[in-house]
Amino acid sequence: MKVLVAEDDIDVAKAFAKTIRGMGHDVMIVHNGREAVEVASHNKVDLVILDLVMPQLTGLGFLEEAHKKGWLKCPVIVISAFRSTDLAELPNIDTVLTKPVEQRELQAAVKQLMPTSK
């Protein structure tokens, strides 16, 4: 299964990718919201892990564009430095994790949304 990691912090993106690859999934990494739109709208993606604060287009901007145009057909895990229960109420958000994200938290969220994970 293909997972898109949209995270502007290169080290965090690499850590997320390593965890997800260890669960048996292919990973595509982008570092800004515009790249995330480009990749997600032109590729079959089974899960998006999305940072909210990114350059060029925020995570919420990505979700708004995806919702408006209707091309996002997979679960989304939002990663945020801000604690907010309101985020989970927004369309297209399935899970919200607060930074710093522990490896086991990410694994649990991915397993919940992609039951075929290792």
Protein backbone atom coordinates (compact mmCIF):
# COMPACT_ATOMS: atom_id res chain seq x y z
CA MET A 1 0.00 0.00 0.00
CA LYS A 2 1.18 3.56 -0.70
CA VAL A 3 1.52 6.18 2.01
CA LEU A 4 2.16 9.85 1.34
CA VAL A 5 4.12 11.62 4.09
CA ALA A 6 3.78 15.42 3.79
CA GLU A 7 6.14 16.89 6.39
CA ASP A 8 8.51 19.85 5.96
CA ASP A 9 10.95 18.70 8.65
CA ILE A 10 13.23 16.34 6.71
CA ASP A 11 14.35 14.35 9.78
CA VAL A 12 10.77 13.84 10.97
CA ALA A 13 9.67 12.81 7.46
CA LYS A 14 12.50 10.27 7.27
CA ALA A 15 11.62 8.86 10.70
CA PHE A 16 7.94 8.51 9.72
CA ALA A 17 8.93 6.86 6.42
CA LYS A 18 11.23 4.38 8.18
CA THR A 19 8.43 3.39 10.57
CA ILE A 20 5.88 2.99 7.78
CA ARG A 21 8.26 1.05 5.52
CA GLY A 22 8.89 -1.26 8.48
CA MET A 23 5.15 -1.94 8.46
CA GLY A 24 5.38 -3.16 4.86
CA HIS A 25 4.19 -0.07 2.97
CA ASP A 26 5.66 2.02 0.17
CA VAL A 27 6.27 5.65 1.11
CA MET A 28 6.37 8.86 -0.90
CA ILE A 29 7.74 11.93 0.91
CA VAL A 30 7.03 15.58 0.10
CA HIS A 31 8.08 18.65 2.05
CA ASN A 32 5.41 21.24 1.24
CA GLY A 33 1.69 21.44 0.67
CA ARG A 34 1.92 22.14 -3.07
CA GLU A 35 3.99 18.97 -3.62
CA ALA A 36 1.46 17.05 -1.51
CA VAL A 37 -1.39 18.20 -3.77
CA GLU A 38 0.59 17.27 -6.88
CA VAL A 39 1.47 13.77 -5.65
CA ALA A 40 -1.89 12.94 -4.03
CA SER A 41 -3.99 14.18 -6.93
CA HIS A 42 -1.99 12.23 -9.56
CA ASN A 43 -1.21 8.98 -7.74
CA LYS A 44 -3.16 6.26 -5.99
CA VAL A 45 -2.50 6.90 -2.31
CA ASP A 46 -3.87 4.64 0.44
CA LEU A 47 -3.02 6.91 3.39
CA VAL A 48 -1.82 10.49 3.87
CA ILE A 49 0.22 11.59 6.88
CA LEU A 50 -0.06 15.36 6.84
CA ASP A 51 1.72 18.05 8.82
CA LEU A 52 -0.46 21.12 9.29
CA VAL A 53 2.29 23.73 9.14
CA MET A 54 4.17 23.51 5.85
CA PRO A 55 5.48 26.01 3.31
CA GLN A 56 3.66 26.97 0.10
CA LEU A 57 0.36 25.45 1.25
CA THR A 58 -0.68 24.42 4.76
CA GLY A 59 -2.07 21.03 5.62
CA LEU A 60 -5.51 22.61 6.00
CA GLY A 61 -5.09 24.19 2.55
CA PHE A 62 -4.26 20.75 1.17
CA LEU A 63 -7.39 19.28 2.76
CA GLU A 64 -9.55 22.14 1.52
CA GLU A 65 -8.34 21.70 -2.05
CA ALA A 66 -8.76 17.92 -1.86
CA HIS A 67 -12.28 18.27 -0.47
CA LYS A 68 -13.29 20.88 -3.05
CA LYS A 69 -12.00 18.87 -6.02
CA GLY A 70 -12.93 15.45 -4.62
CA TRP A 71 -9.74 13.56 -5.45
CA LEU A 72 -8.72 12.44 -1.96
CA LYS A 73 -10.22 9.00 -1.36
CA CYS A 74 -8.10 7.71 1.51
CA PRO A 75 -7.71 8.20 5.26
CA VAL A 76 -5.68 11.13 6.59
CA ILE A 77 -3.58 11.30 9.75
CA VAL A 78 -2.91 14.92 10.69
CA ILE A 79 0.25 15.74 12.60
CA SER A 80 0.07 18.94 14.62
CA ALA A 81 2.16 20.71 17.21
CA PHE A 82 -1.11 22.13 18.54
CA ARG A 83 -3.54 20.14 20.63
CA SER A 84 -7.01 20.58 19.28
CA THR A 85 -10.07 18.41 19.42
CA ASP A 86 -11.60 20.63 16.72
CA LEU A 87 -9.26 19.22 14.07
CA ALA A 88 -10.86 15.78 14.22
CA GLU A 89 -14.18 17.42 13.32
CA LEU A 90 -12.92 18.69 9.96
CA PRO A 91 -13.75 16.78 6.77
CA ASN A 92 -11.15 14.28 5.53
CA ILE A 93 -9.33 13.99 8.88
CA ASP A 94 -9.45 10.52 10.39
CA THR A 95 -6.84 10.80 13.16
CA VAL A 96 -4.93 13.63 14.81
CA LEU A 97 -1.53 13.03 16.43
CA THR A 98 0.26 15.71 18.46
CA LYS A 99 3.98 16.35 17.99
CA PRO A 100 6.30 14.95 19.04
CA VAL A 101 4.87 11.71 17.68
CA GLU A 102 6.19 8.49 19.19
CA GLN A 103 6.88 5.60 16.81
CA ARG A 104 4.33 3.37 18.57
CA GLU A 105 1.65 6.10 18.28
CA LEU A 106 2.22 6.36 14.55
CA GLN A 107 2.20 2.57 14.16
CA ALA A 108 -1.07 2.28 16.09
CA ALA A 109 -2.74 5.00 14.00
CA VAL A 110 -1.57 3.42 10.73
CA LYS A 111 -2.72 -0.04 11.83
CA GLN A 112 -6.14 1.33 12.79
CA LEU A 113 -6.63 2.93 9.37
CA MET A 114 -4.84 0.24 7.32
CA PRO A 115 -5.63 -3.10 8.97
CA THR A 116 -3.35 -5.01 6.59
CA SER A 117 -0.26 -3.36 8.19
CA LYS A 118 2.36 -5.53 9.91
